[in-house]
Amino acid sequence: MAKRVIKIARTGDVYLPEKTVRRLLDCRDGTAALVYLYLASHDGELDDKAAMHALGMSEGELAHGLNLLSGLGLTEKAERLPDRSDEIPEYTGADVASALEGSSDFASLLKFTETRLGRRLSTPDTQTLLGIYDWMGLPADVICLLITACVEEHQKKNTGRRLTMRTIENRAKLWCSLGLTTQDAAGIYLKQQEERGEKVASLMRLLHISGRAASPTERKFLEQWAFLPEELVLKAYDITAVNTGKLNWQYMDKILQSWQAKGFRTVADVESETRSAQTEPESVSHLRDLNRTWGVEL
């Protein structure tokens, strides 16, 4: 995930010039306003994952907000920051022995991990756990929450495969990048993830997807739509099915993006603007006009 510096008008404290406020108000998009406030309070430095967590946004919502700000002339081209290596250094058996002797927290963490995974950790796995605790700097209680979350998620997937320390390490890297270094922060994040998962499951039922898990691409779309009003998603699905004869994910996403950009929050908003354009489609050219009305190009 990108980490970058986006140039904005510096104002010292987080006070916005009247010109900026007017542009944000004229835009009538809460996502753009929230992203701008985040940038203003972080001196323009944007870590995408941290921002998505702080603002409760999906990757698509964050990108949408940034695109609007750019179009309003409130941001300039992003300057990428050099990536920090996130590879755990190699720990030795002597390092592990020293940690077990010198830290009761790590000894308890090792015992907890083996209990939750239902097996004794190999030497490489124990070295990985030490890296998460020592090099990443995550507290033992936070690592316990992380491991529990990984185990529960793995059990839900029921793949028959063993949960590996590599998976836990990757999840720990994500938590570090999001600043989840306390029990409170991790607890809030897990609650948000649970709510997002429930929303995705609800949308899958709405779109008549059952008997299988969503593919990675499908899940990306579903997560982008998760916090949109369900009536809008259902309306976009209906239009997509009528015009394409199937659930066309990209087509439907373009409709929803268009409605978001226009500030639509209800079906009434959509129908109010498009009522004059809704006549009987008697030709391909008319269908093209209708699609443009919905914000979609054939």
Protein backbone atom coordinates (compact mmCIF):
# COMPACT_ATOMS: atom_id res chain seq x y z
CA MET A 1 0.00 0.00 0.00
CA ALA A 2 1.35 3.40 -1.00
CA LYS A 3 2.79 5.92 1.42
CA ARG A 4 3.13 9.40 0.03
CA VAL A 5 3.21 13.11 0.74
CA ILE A 6 0.43 15.12 -0.90
CA LYS A 7 0.99 18.88 -1.06
CA ILE A 8 -1.77 21.07 0.33
CA ALA A 9 -1.96 24.74 1.26
CA ARG A 10 -0.14 25.03 4.61
CA THR A 11 -2.06 27.03 7.21
CA GLY A 12 -0.13 26.24 10.41
CA ASP A 13 -2.87 24.96 12.70
CA VAL A 14 -5.77 23.09 11.16
CA TYR A 15 -7.70 26.18 10.08
CA LEU A 16 -9.00 26.15 6.53
CA PRO A 17 -8.99 29.19 4.22
CA GLU A 18 -12.46 30.37 3.24
CA LYS A 19 -11.71 29.56 -0.40
CA THR A 20 -10.93 25.96 0.54
CA VAL A 21 -14.06 25.65 2.66
CA ARG A 22 -16.23 26.96 -0.19
CA ARG A 23 -14.75 24.49 -2.65
CA LEU A 24 -15.37 21.60 -0.26
CA LEU A 25 -18.94 22.75 0.38
CA ASP A 26 -19.64 23.21 -3.33
CA CYS A 27 -18.34 19.71 -3.94
CA ARG A 28 -21.00 18.34 -1.57
CA ASP A 29 -19.00 15.19 -0.91
CA GLY A 30 -18.28 14.17 2.67
CA THR A 31 -15.56 11.73 1.62
CA ALA A 32 -13.48 14.51 0.02
CA ALA A 33 -13.95 16.74 3.08
CA LEU A 34 -12.83 14.01 5.48
CA VAL A 35 -9.78 13.14 3.40
CA TYR A 36 -8.80 16.82 3.21
CA LEU A 37 -9.14 17.23 6.99
CA TYR A 38 -6.97 14.12 7.46
CA LEU A 39 -4.31 15.55 5.15
CA ALA A 40 -4.43 18.94 6.88
CA SER A 41 -3.97 17.34 10.31
CA HIS A 42 -1.02 15.21 9.09
CA ASP A 43 0.90 17.91 7.20
CA GLY A 44 -0.02 16.29 3.90
CA GLU A 45 1.59 12.94 4.73
CA LEU A 46 -0.67 10.08 3.71
CA ASP A 47 -0.13 6.45 4.63
CA ASP A 48 -3.02 4.84 2.76
CA LYS A 49 -3.60 1.99 5.23
CA ALA A 50 -3.43 4.24 8.27
CA ALA A 51 -5.78 6.78 6.65
CA MET A 52 -8.28 4.07 5.66
CA HIS A 53 -8.28 2.82 9.25
CA ALA A 54 -8.58 6.28 10.82
CA LEU A 55 -11.37 7.39 8.46
CA GLY A 56 -13.19 4.07 8.25
CA MET A 57 -12.89 4.09 4.47
CA SER A 58 -12.23 1.44 1.87
CA GLU A 59 -9.41 1.77 -0.65
CA GLY A 60 -11.93 2.82 -3.28
CA GLU A 61 -13.47 5.51 -1.05
CA LEU A 62 -10.05 6.95 -0.24
CA ALA A 63 -9.13 7.05 -3.94
CA HIS A 64 -12.47 8.68 -4.72
CA GLY A 65 -11.83 11.41 -2.14
CA LEU A 66 -8.31 12.07 -3.39
CA ASN A 67 -9.49 12.27 -7.01
CA LEU A 68 -12.14 14.83 -6.09
CA LEU A 69 -9.61 16.94 -4.15
CA SER A 70 -7.27 16.89 -7.12
CA GLY A 71 -10.09 17.93 -9.43
CA LEU A 72 -10.96 20.79 -7.08
CA GLY A 73 -7.36 22.01 -7.20
CA LEU A 74 -6.92 21.44 -3.45
CA THR A 75 -4.03 18.98 -3.79
CA GLU A 76 -1.03 18.62 -6.04
CA LYS A 77 0.71 15.59 -7.46
CA ALA A 78 1.68 13.11 -4.75
CA GLU A 79 5.34 12.66 -3.88
CA ARG A 80 6.15 9.05 -2.96
CA LEU A 81 8.13 8.38 0.19
CA PRO A 82 10.84 5.70 0.20
CA ASP A 83 9.52 2.38 1.48
CA ARG A 84 10.93 1.04 4.74
CA SER A 85 12.03 -2.58 4.61
CA ASP A 86 9.56 -4.67 6.59
CA GLU A 87 11.56 -7.90 6.56
CA ILE A 88 12.20 -9.30 10.03
CA PRO A 89 15.94 -9.70 10.69
CA GLU A 90 17.21 -13.24 11.18
CA TYR A 91 17.11 -14.31 14.83
CA THR A 92 19.27 -17.16 16.08
CA GLY A 93 18.56 -19.95 18.51
CA ALA A 94 20.68 -18.08 21.05
CA ASP A 95 18.46 -14.99 20.58
CA VAL A 96 15.38 -17.08 21.31
CA ALA A 97 16.96 -18.65 24.39
CA SER A 98 18.00 -15.23 25.67
CA ALA A 99 14.48 -13.85 25.15
CA LEU A 100 12.90 -16.78 26.97
CA GLU A 101 15.25 -16.34 29.91
CA GLY A 102 15.04 -12.58 30.08
CA SER A 103 11.37 -11.93 29.31
CA SER A 104 8.48 -13.63 31.08
CA ASP A 105 6.15 -11.85 28.62
CA PHE A 106 7.74 -13.59 25.64
CA ALA A 107 7.73 -16.96 27.42
CA SER A 108 4.01 -16.55 28.14
CA LEU A 109 3.41 -15.41 24.56
CA LEU A 110 5.13 -18.51 23.17
CA LYS A 111 3.00 -20.76 25.39
CA PHE A 112 -0.17 -18.90 24.37
CA THR A 113 0.68 -19.16 20.67
CA GLU A 114 1.33 -22.90 20.86
CA THR A 115 -1.96 -23.40 22.71
CA ARG A 116 -3.99 -21.40 20.16
CA LEU A 117 -2.32 -23.09 17.18
CA GLY A 118 -2.56 -26.51 18.80
CA ARG A 119 1.05 -27.45 18.17
CA ARG A 120 4.59 -26.81 19.35
CA LEU A 121 6.35 -24.13 17.33
CA SER A 122 9.40 -25.11 15.35
CA THR A 123 12.62 -23.15 15.80
CA PRO A 124 11.98 -21.00 12.66
CA ASP A 125 8.41 -20.32 13.81
CA THR A 126 9.62 -19.30 17.27
CA GLN A 127 12.17 -16.99 15.67
CA THR A 128 9.37 -15.40 13.62
CA LEU A 129 7.30 -14.90 16.78
CA LEU A 130 10.29 -13.26 18.45
CA GLY A 131 10.65 -10.94 15.46
CA ILE A 132 7.02 -9.85 15.80
CA TYR A 133 7.52 -9.23 19.52
CA ASP A 134 11.02 -7.75 19.48
CA TRP A 135 11.67 -6.17 16.07
CA MET A 136 8.12 -5.08 15.21
CA GLY A 137 7.64 -4.01 18.81
CA LEU A 138 4.07 -5.23 19.20
CA PRO A 139 3.14 -5.77 22.87
CA ALA A 140 2.46 -9.35 23.93
CA ASP A 141 -1.22 -8.66 24.70
CA VAL A 142 -1.74 -7.19 21.21
CA ILE A 143 -0.02 -10.17 19.60
CA CYS A 144 -2.38 -12.47 21.53
CA LEU A 145 -5.35 -10.59 20.03
CA LEU A 146 -3.79 -10.80 16.58
CA ILE A 147 -3.16 -14.54 16.82
CA THR A 148 -6.68 -15.16 18.12
CA ALA A 149 -8.13 -13.17 15.20
CA CYS A 150 -6.00 -15.14 12.71
CA VAL A 151 -7.06 -18.47 14.22
CA GLU A 152 -10.76 -17.58 14.19
CA GLU A 153 -10.58 -16.33 10.61
CA HIS A 154 -8.73 -19.46 9.53
CA GLN A 155 -11.32 -21.70 11.20
CA LYS A 156 -14.14 -19.90 9.37
CA LYS A 157 -12.43 -20.53 6.03
CA ASN A 158 -12.15 -24.25 6.90
CA THR A 159 -9.56 -24.90 4.19
CA GLY A 160 -8.09 -27.95 5.91
CA ARG A 161 -4.66 -26.36 5.75
CA ARG A 162 -2.56 -25.43 8.76
CA LEU A 163 -2.34 -21.79 9.82
CA THR A 164 1.28 -20.75 9.31
CA MET A 165 3.45 -18.26 11.15
CA ARG A 166 4.05 -16.56 7.80
CA THR A 167 0.35 -15.65 7.69
CA ILE A 168 0.53 -14.34 11.26
CA GLU A 169 3.69 -12.37 10.41
CA ASN A 170 1.99 -10.71 7.43
CA ARG A 171 -0.99 -9.78 9.59
CA ALA A 172 1.38 -8.33 12.19
CA LYS A 173 3.01 -6.16 9.50
CA LEU A 174 -0.43 -4.85 8.55
CA TRP A 175 -1.27 -4.03 12.18
CA CYS A 176 2.04 -2.20 12.60
CA SER A 177 1.40 -0.12 9.48
CA LEU A 178 -2.04 0.79 10.86
CA GLY A 179 -0.61 1.78 14.24
CA LEU A 180 -2.51 -0.96 16.09
CA THR A 181 -0.12 -1.15 19.04
CA THR A 182 -2.59 -1.15 21.95
CA GLN A 183 -5.44 -3.41 22.97
CA ASP A 184 -7.95 -0.58 22.56
CA ALA A 185 -6.82 0.28 19.03
CA ALA A 186 -6.73 -3.39 18.01
CA GLY A 187 -10.17 -3.99 19.54
CA ILE A 188 -11.72 -1.09 17.61
CA TYR A 189 -10.11 -2.32 14.39
CA LEU A 190 -11.39 -5.87 14.88
CA LYS A 191 -14.88 -4.53 15.54
CA GLN A 192 -14.75 -2.47 12.35
CA GLN A 193 -13.57 -5.52 10.40
CA GLU A 194 -16.42 -7.57 11.84
CA GLU A 195 -18.95 -4.91 10.81
CA ARG A 196 -17.43 -4.71 7.32
CA GLY A 197 -17.64 -8.49 7.02
CA GLU A 198 -21.31 -8.43 8.03
CA LYS A 199 -22.00 -5.73 5.45
CA VAL A 200 -20.24 -7.74 2.72
CA ALA A 201 -22.26 -10.83 3.65
CA SER A 202 -25.47 -8.77 3.52
CA LEU A 203 -24.57 -7.43 0.06
CA MET A 204 -23.84 -10.95 -1.19
CA ARG A 205 -27.34 -12.00 -0.12
CA LEU A 206 -28.75 -8.87 -1.78
CA LEU A 207 -26.98 -9.78 -5.03
CA HIS A 208 -28.08 -13.45 -4.79
CA ILE A 209 -24.55 -14.79 -4.33
CA SER A 210 -24.72 -17.95 -2.22
CA GLY A 211 -23.04 -21.30 -1.80
CA ARG A 212 -19.55 -19.92 -2.36
CA ALA A 213 -17.11 -17.30 -1.13
CA ALA A 214 -16.59 -14.07 -3.05
CA SER A 215 -13.50 -14.01 -5.26
CA PRO A 216 -10.77 -11.47 -4.36
CA THR A 217 -11.95 -9.11 -7.12
CA GLU A 218 -15.60 -9.49 -6.13
CA ARG A 219 -14.75 -8.87 -2.48
CA LYS A 220 -12.88 -5.69 -3.43
CA PHE A 221 -16.02 -4.33 -5.08
CA LEU A 222 -18.23 -5.47 -2.19
CA GLU A 223 -16.00 -3.78 0.37
CA GLN A 224 -16.12 -0.55 -1.63
CA TRP A 225 -19.93 -0.70 -1.60
CA ALA A 226 -20.24 -1.97 1.98
CA PHE A 227 -21.21 1.35 3.56
CA LEU A 228 -23.40 2.65 0.75
CA PRO A 229 -27.17 2.58 1.34
CA GLU A 230 -28.40 -0.86 0.32
CA GLU A 231 -31.28 0.63 -1.66
CA LEU A 232 -28.75 2.36 -3.94
CA VAL A 233 -26.79 -0.86 -4.42
CA LEU A 234 -29.99 -2.74 -5.23
CA LYS A 235 -31.04 -0.04 -7.71
CA ALA A 236 -27.63 -0.16 -9.42
CA TYR A 237 -27.88 -3.97 -9.56
CA ASP A 238 -31.32 -3.75 -11.17
CA ILE A 239 -30.09 -1.32 -13.84
CA THR A 240 -27.02 -3.49 -14.48
CA ALA A 241 -29.06 -6.68 -14.83
CA VAL A 242 -31.55 -5.04 -17.22
CA ASN A 243 -28.89 -3.42 -19.41
CA THR A 244 -26.29 -6.21 -19.45
CA GLY A 245 -28.31 -9.33 -18.62
CA LYS A 246 -26.02 -10.27 -15.73
CA LEU A 247 -24.14 -9.02 -12.68
CA ASN A 248 -21.42 -6.99 -14.39
CA TRP A 249 -19.20 -5.81 -11.53
CA GLN A 250 -17.35 -3.04 -13.37
CA TYR A 251 -20.53 -1.74 -15.00
CA MET A 252 -22.31 -1.62 -11.64
CA ASP A 253 -19.33 0.01 -9.95
CA LYS A 254 -19.30 2.81 -12.53
CA ILE A 255 -22.97 3.49 -11.81
CA LEU A 256 -22.34 3.69 -8.06
CA GLN A 257 -19.24 5.84 -8.50
CA SER A 258 -21.26 8.25 -10.63
CA TRP A 259 -23.98 8.47 -7.98
CA GLN A 260 -21.41 9.01 -5.23
CA ALA A 261 -19.82 11.85 -7.19
CA LYS A 262 -23.26 13.47 -7.53
CA GLY A 263 -23.98 13.08 -3.83
CA PHE A 264 -26.90 10.66 -4.26
CA ARG A 265 -27.86 8.86 -1.04
CA THR A 266 -31.34 7.53 -1.90
CA VAL A 267 -33.16 6.05 -4.88
CA ALA A 268 -35.32 9.18 -4.83
CA ASP A 269 -32.19 11.24 -5.53
CA VAL A 270 -31.43 9.08 -8.56
CA GLU A 271 -34.95 9.08 -9.93
CA SER A 272 -35.35 12.83 -9.46
CA GLU A 273 -32.43 13.59 -11.78
CA THR A 274 -33.06 10.86 -14.32
CA ARG A 275 -36.87 10.97 -14.60
CA SER A 276 -36.83 13.13 -17.71
CA ALA A 277 -34.42 10.75 -19.45
CA GLN A 278 -36.39 7.59 -18.69
CA THR A 279 -38.37 6.78 -21.84
CA GLU A 280 -38.97 3.47 -23.54
CA PRO A 281 -35.62 2.17 -24.96
CA GLU A 282 -36.43 1.49 -28.59
CA SER A 283 -32.97 1.62 -30.09
CA VAL A 284 -29.30 1.03 -29.34
CA SER A 285 -28.67 4.77 -29.50
CA HIS A 286 -31.33 5.35 -26.87
CA LEU A 287 -29.75 2.65 -24.69
CA ARG A 288 -26.45 4.47 -24.97
CA ASP A 289 -28.12 7.70 -23.86
CA LEU A 290 -29.71 5.90 -20.94
CA ASN A 291 -26.39 4.41 -19.89
CA ARG A 292 -24.78 7.83 -19.96
CA THR A 293 -27.59 9.02 -17.72
CA TRP A 294 -26.59 6.35 -15.19
CA GLY A 295 -22.96 7.38 -15.54
CA VAL A 296 -21.87 4.35 -17.58
CA GLU A 297 -20.35 4.16 -21.07
CA LEU A 298 -20.97 1.05 -23.17
